Amino acid sequence: MDRDILETVLGFVAGIVGMGCLTGVLVTWIKYRAAKRLPAPDLLHRLEEIADRVNRIETSIDAVALEVERISEGQRFTTRLLADRTDVPVHADKSRPSGSTTPH
């Protein structure tokens, strides 16, 4: 009975040690591969250009958003002015003949 327990414990310890060694080998191999694939200077230059371009696009989008906000403020102001007018008749002018006024 003691021999069975001893064999089970030794098998378990051997499995744990084997998994640890395999993990160490894999981590070393992955680090080695990552170190070999360092970006070239040309790639770094292109990445900097892309970052600058994205920055300019972001600035442009912010400017467009500001202009849209100004337009919407003007629209709200105009709508409020039109809603506050009381001297203008709400209904259409009935003295004009009905029909289409667009040229065909």
N, C-alpha and C. Protein backbone atom coordinates (compact mmCIF):
# COMPACT_ATOMS: atom_id res chain seq x y z
N MET A 1 0.82 -1.18 0.00
CA MET A 1 0.00 0.00 0.00
C MET A 1 0.87 1.25 0.00
N ASP A 2 1.91 1.27 0.81
CA ASP A 2 2.81 2.42 0.85
C ASP A 2 3.53 2.61 -0.48
N ARG A 3 3.81 1.53 -1.13
CA ARG A 3 4.49 1.60 -2.42
C ARG A 3 3.58 2.24 -3.47
N ASP A 4 2.27 1.95 -3.44
CA ASP A 4 1.33 2.56 -4.38
C ASP A 4 1.23 4.07 -4.17
N ILE A 5 1.20 4.49 -2.94
CA ILE A 5 1.14 5.92 -2.63
C ILE A 5 2.42 6.60 -3.09
N LEU A 6 3.55 5.97 -2.85
CA LEU A 6 4.84 6.52 -3.24
C LEU A 6 4.93 6.66 -4.76
N GLU A 7 4.48 5.66 -5.49
CA GLU A 7 4.49 5.73 -6.96
C GLU A 7 3.56 6.83 -7.46
N THR A 8 2.42 6.99 -6.85
CA THR A 8 1.47 8.04 -7.25
C THR A 8 2.06 9.43 -7.01
N VAL A 9 2.67 9.62 -5.83
CA VAL A 9 3.28 10.92 -5.50
C VAL A 9 4.44 11.21 -6.44
N LEU A 10 5.30 10.22 -6.70
CA LEU A 10 6.43 10.43 -7.61
C LEU A 10 5.94 10.72 -9.04
N GLY A 11 4.90 10.06 -9.47
CA GLY A 11 4.33 10.35 -10.80
C GLY A 11 3.78 11.76 -10.88
N PHE A 12 3.11 12.18 -9.82
CA PHE A 12 2.57 13.54 -9.76
C PHE A 12 3.70 14.56 -9.78
N VAL A 13 4.75 14.36 -8.98
CA VAL A 13 5.89 15.28 -8.94
C VAL A 13 6.59 15.32 -10.30
N ALA A 14 6.75 14.16 -10.95
CA ALA A 14 7.39 14.12 -12.26
C ALA A 14 6.55 14.89 -13.29
N GLY A 15 5.25 14.77 -13.20
CA GLY A 15 4.37 15.52 -14.12
C GLY A 15 4.48 17.02 -13.92
N ILE A 16 4.50 17.45 -12.67
CA ILE A 16 4.63 18.88 -12.36
C ILE A 16 5.98 19.41 -12.85
N VAL A 17 7.05 18.69 -12.59
CA VAL A 17 8.39 19.12 -13.02
C VAL A 17 8.45 19.16 -14.55
N GLY A 18 7.87 18.17 -15.21
CA GLY A 18 7.85 18.16 -16.68
C GLY A 18 7.10 19.34 -17.25
N MET A 19 5.93 19.66 -16.66
CA MET A 19 5.17 20.82 -17.14
C MET A 19 5.94 22.12 -16.90
N GLY A 20 6.65 22.22 -15.78
CA GLY A 20 7.44 23.42 -15.50
C GLY A 20 8.57 23.58 -16.51
N CYS A 21 9.25 22.48 -16.82
CA CYS A 21 10.33 22.55 -17.80
C CYS A 21 9.79 22.92 -19.18
N LEU A 22 8.67 22.33 -19.56
CA LEU A 22 8.07 22.64 -20.86
C LEU A 22 7.65 24.10 -20.93
N THR A 23 7.09 24.61 -19.85
CA THR A 23 6.70 26.02 -19.81
C THR A 23 7.93 26.92 -19.95
N GLY A 24 9.01 26.59 -19.26
CA GLY A 24 10.23 27.39 -19.37
C GLY A 24 10.80 27.39 -20.77
N VAL A 25 10.79 26.24 -21.43
CA VAL A 25 11.28 26.15 -22.81
C VAL A 25 10.41 26.98 -23.74
N LEU A 26 9.08 26.87 -23.59
CA LEU A 26 8.18 27.63 -24.45
C LEU A 26 8.32 29.14 -24.26
N VAL A 27 8.43 29.58 -23.02
CA VAL A 27 8.59 31.01 -22.76
C VAL A 27 9.90 31.52 -23.35
N THR A 28 10.97 30.77 -23.20
CA THR A 28 12.26 31.17 -23.78
C THR A 28 12.17 31.24 -25.29
N TRP A 29 11.54 30.27 -25.91
CA TRP A 29 11.39 30.25 -27.37
C TRP A 29 10.57 31.44 -27.86
N ILE A 30 9.48 31.76 -27.16
CA ILE A 30 8.63 32.89 -27.55
C ILE A 30 9.41 34.20 -27.40
N LYS A 31 10.16 34.38 -26.32
CA LYS A 31 10.95 35.59 -26.15
C LYS A 31 12.02 35.72 -27.23
N TYR A 32 12.63 34.62 -27.60
CA TYR A 32 13.64 34.64 -28.65
C TYR A 32 13.03 35.06 -29.98
N ARG A 33 11.86 34.50 -30.31
CA ARG A 33 11.20 34.87 -31.57
C ARG A 33 10.78 36.33 -31.57
N ALA A 34 10.29 36.83 -30.44
CA ALA A 34 9.87 38.22 -30.37
C ALA A 34 11.07 39.16 -30.51
N ALA A 35 12.21 38.79 -29.97
CA ALA A 35 13.40 39.63 -30.08
C ALA A 35 13.91 39.68 -31.52
N LYS A 36 13.74 38.60 -32.27
CA LYS A 36 14.19 38.58 -33.66
C LYS A 36 13.31 39.46 -34.55
N ARG A 37 12.05 39.65 -34.17
CA ARG A 37 11.11 40.39 -35.01
C ARG A 37 10.98 41.85 -34.59
N LEU A 38 12.04 42.47 -34.18
CA LEU A 38 11.98 43.89 -33.85
C LEU A 38 11.73 44.68 -35.13
N PRO A 39 10.92 45.72 -35.06
CA PRO A 39 10.59 46.47 -36.27
C PRO A 39 11.80 47.18 -36.86
N ALA A 40 11.81 47.21 -38.17
CA ALA A 40 12.89 47.89 -38.89
C ALA A 40 12.70 49.41 -38.77
N PRO A 41 13.76 50.18 -38.97
CA PRO A 41 13.64 51.65 -38.89
C PRO A 41 12.62 52.20 -39.90
N ASP A 42 12.54 51.58 -41.08
CA ASP A 42 11.58 52.04 -42.07
C ASP A 42 10.15 51.84 -41.56
N LEU A 43 9.92 50.73 -40.91
CA LEU A 43 8.60 50.45 -40.36
C LEU A 43 8.26 51.45 -39.26
N LEU A 44 9.23 51.78 -38.43
CA LEU A 44 9.01 52.77 -37.38
C LEU A 44 8.69 54.14 -37.98
N HIS A 45 9.38 54.49 -39.05
CA HIS A 45 9.11 55.77 -39.72
C HIS A 45 7.69 55.79 -40.27
N ARG A 46 7.28 54.70 -40.90
CA ARG A 46 5.91 54.63 -41.45
C ARG A 46 4.87 54.69 -40.34
N LEU A 47 5.15 54.05 -39.21
CA LEU A 47 4.22 54.11 -38.09
C LEU A 47 4.09 55.53 -37.55
N GLU A 48 5.20 56.27 -37.52
CA GLU A 48 5.13 57.66 -37.09
C GLU A 48 4.31 58.50 -38.06
N GLU A 49 4.45 58.25 -39.36
CA GLU A 49 3.65 58.96 -40.35
C GLU A 49 2.16 58.66 -40.17
N ILE A 50 1.85 57.41 -39.93
CA ILE A 50 0.44 57.04 -39.72
C ILE A 50 -0.10 57.70 -38.47
N ALA A 51 0.70 57.75 -37.41
CA ALA A 51 0.26 58.40 -36.17
C ALA A 51 0.01 59.89 -36.41
N ASP A 52 0.88 60.55 -37.18
CA ASP A 52 0.68 61.96 -37.51
C ASP A 52 -0.60 62.15 -38.32
N ARG A 53 -0.82 61.27 -39.28
CA ARG A 53 -2.01 61.36 -40.12
C ARG A 53 -3.27 61.18 -39.29
N VAL A 54 -3.26 60.23 -38.37
CA VAL A 54 -4.42 60.00 -37.50
C VAL A 54 -4.65 61.22 -36.61
N ASN A 55 -3.58 61.84 -36.16
CA ASN A 55 -3.70 63.04 -35.34
C ASN A 55 -4.34 64.17 -36.13
N ARG A 56 -3.94 64.34 -37.39
CA ARG A 56 -4.55 65.37 -38.23
C ARG A 56 -6.02 65.08 -38.49
N ILE A 57 -6.35 63.82 -38.72
CA ILE A 57 -7.76 63.45 -38.94
C ILE A 57 -8.57 63.74 -37.69
N GLU A 58 -8.02 63.44 -36.53
CA GLU A 58 -8.72 63.71 -35.28
C GLU A 58 -8.98 65.21 -35.10
N THR A 59 -7.98 66.03 -35.43
CA THR A 59 -8.13 67.48 -35.34
C THR A 59 -9.21 67.96 -36.31
N SER A 60 -9.22 67.42 -37.52
CA SER A 60 -10.23 67.81 -38.50
C SER A 60 -11.63 67.43 -38.04
N ILE A 61 -11.77 66.25 -37.47
CA ILE A 61 -13.08 65.81 -36.99
C ILE A 61 -13.56 66.70 -35.85
N ASP A 62 -12.64 67.10 -34.99
CA ASP A 62 -13.02 68.02 -33.91
C ASP A 62 -13.49 69.36 -34.47
N ALA A 63 -12.82 69.85 -35.51
CA ALA A 63 -13.22 71.12 -36.13
C ALA A 63 -14.60 70.99 -36.77
N VAL A 64 -14.84 69.88 -37.44
CA VAL A 64 -16.15 69.66 -38.07
C VAL A 64 -17.24 69.57 -37.00
N ALA A 65 -16.96 68.89 -35.89
CA ALA A 65 -17.93 68.79 -34.81
C ALA A 65 -18.26 70.16 -34.24
N LEU A 66 -17.26 71.02 -34.12
CA LEU A 66 -17.50 72.37 -33.63
C LEU A 66 -18.39 73.15 -34.60
N GLU A 67 -18.12 73.03 -35.89
CA GLU A 67 -18.95 73.73 -36.88
C GLU A 67 -20.39 73.21 -36.88
N VAL A 68 -20.55 71.92 -36.74
CA VAL A 68 -21.91 71.35 -36.68
C VAL A 68 -22.64 71.88 -35.46
N GLU A 69 -21.94 72.01 -34.34
CA GLU A 69 -22.56 72.56 -33.14
C GLU A 69 -22.98 74.01 -33.36
N ARG A 70 -22.15 74.78 -34.06
CA ARG A 70 -22.52 76.17 -34.36
C ARG A 70 -23.75 76.22 -35.27
N ILE A 71 -23.80 75.34 -36.25
CA ILE A 71 -24.95 75.31 -37.15
C ILE A 71 -26.21 74.95 -36.38
N SER A 72 -26.11 73.98 -35.48
CA SER A 72 -27.29 73.58 -34.72
C SER A 72 -27.74 74.70 -33.79
N GLU A 73 -26.79 75.45 -33.21
CA GLU A 73 -27.18 76.60 -32.39
C GLU A 73 -27.91 77.65 -33.22
N GLY A 74 -27.41 77.90 -34.42
CA GLY A 74 -28.10 78.84 -35.31
C GLY A 74 -29.49 78.35 -35.68
N GLN A 75 -29.62 77.06 -35.91
CA GLN A 75 -30.93 76.48 -36.24
C GLN A 75 -31.89 76.64 -35.07
N ARG A 76 -31.42 76.40 -33.85
CA ARG A 76 -32.28 76.56 -32.67
C ARG A 76 -32.69 78.03 -32.51
N PHE A 77 -31.75 78.94 -32.72
CA PHE A 77 -32.06 80.37 -32.61
C PHE A 77 -33.10 80.78 -33.65
N THR A 78 -32.92 80.33 -34.89
CA THR A 78 -33.87 80.68 -35.94
C THR A 78 -35.25 80.09 -35.66
N THR A 79 -35.28 78.88 -35.19
CA THR A 79 -36.55 78.24 -34.86
C THR A 79 -37.25 78.98 -33.74
N ARG A 80 -36.50 79.41 -32.73
CA ARG A 80 -37.10 80.16 -31.62
C ARG A 80 -37.64 81.50 -32.12
N LEU A 81 -36.90 82.18 -33.01
CA LEU A 81 -37.39 83.46 -33.55
C LEU A 81 -38.67 83.26 -34.34
N LEU A 82 -38.70 82.23 -35.16
CA LEU A 82 -39.91 81.97 -35.95
C LEU A 82 -41.09 81.58 -35.06
N ALA A 83 -40.82 80.87 -33.99
CA ALA A 83 -41.90 80.46 -33.09
C ALA A 83 -42.42 81.65 -32.29
N ASP A 84 -41.58 82.64 -32.00
CA ASP A 84 -42.00 83.79 -31.20
C ASP A 84 -42.72 84.85 -32.03
N ARG A 85 -42.67 84.79 -33.33
CA ARG A 85 -43.35 85.79 -34.16
C ARG A 85 -44.85 85.60 -34.04
N THR A 86 -45.57 86.70 -33.73
CA THR A 86 -47.02 86.60 -33.58
C THR A 86 -47.75 87.45 -34.61
N ASP A 87 -47.06 88.34 -35.30
CA ASP A 87 -47.73 89.22 -36.25
C ASP A 87 -47.90 88.61 -37.63
N VAL A 88 -47.33 87.48 -37.89
CA VAL A 88 -47.43 86.83 -39.20
C VAL A 88 -48.54 85.80 -39.15
N PRO A 89 -49.44 85.79 -40.14
CA PRO A 89 -50.52 84.80 -40.14
C PRO A 89 -49.94 83.39 -40.29
N VAL A 90 -50.56 82.47 -39.59
CA VAL A 90 -50.09 81.10 -39.60
C VAL A 90 -50.55 80.38 -40.86
N HIS A 91 -51.74 80.71 -41.35
CA HIS A 91 -52.30 80.02 -42.51
C HIS A 91 -51.79 80.63 -43.82
N ALA A 92 -51.85 79.87 -44.87
CA ALA A 92 -51.38 80.34 -46.18
C ALA A 92 -52.29 81.42 -46.72
N ASP A 93 -51.75 82.22 -47.62
CA ASP A 93 -52.49 83.32 -48.24
C ASP A 93 -53.54 82.75 -49.17
N LYS A 94 -54.80 83.01 -48.91
CA LYS A 94 -55.91 82.46 -49.72
C LYS A 94 -56.21 83.35 -50.93
N SER A 95 -55.63 84.54 -51.03
CA SER A 95 -55.92 85.42 -52.16
C SER A 95 -55.21 84.93 -53.44
N ARG A 96 -54.23 84.14 -53.30
CA ARG A 96 -53.49 83.62 -54.44
C ARG A 96 -54.22 82.45 -55.03
N PRO A 97 -54.22 82.30 -56.35
CA PRO A 97 -54.91 81.15 -56.94
C PRO A 97 -54.16 79.86 -56.61
N SER A 98 -54.92 78.80 -56.43
CA SER A 98 -54.31 77.53 -56.09
C SER A 98 -53.71 76.90 -57.33
N GLY A 99 -52.83 75.97 -57.13
CA GLY A 99 -52.19 75.28 -58.25
C GLY A 99 -50.70 75.27 -58.05
N SER A 100 -50.03 74.72 -59.02
CA SER A 100 -48.58 74.57 -58.95
C SER A 100 -47.92 75.86 -59.42
N THR A 101 -46.87 76.27 -58.74
CA THR A 101 -46.14 77.48 -59.14
C THR A 101 -44.78 77.12 -59.73
N THR A 102 -44.49 75.85 -59.82
CA THR A 102 -43.21 75.44 -60.39
C THR A 102 -43.33 75.31 -61.90
N PRO A 103 -42.32 75.72 -62.65
CA PRO A 103 -42.40 75.59 -64.11
C PRO A 103 -42.21 74.14 -64.53
N HIS A 104 -43.01 73.73 -65.51
CA HIS A 104 -42.90 72.35 -66.01
C HIS A 104 -42.57 72.33 -67.46
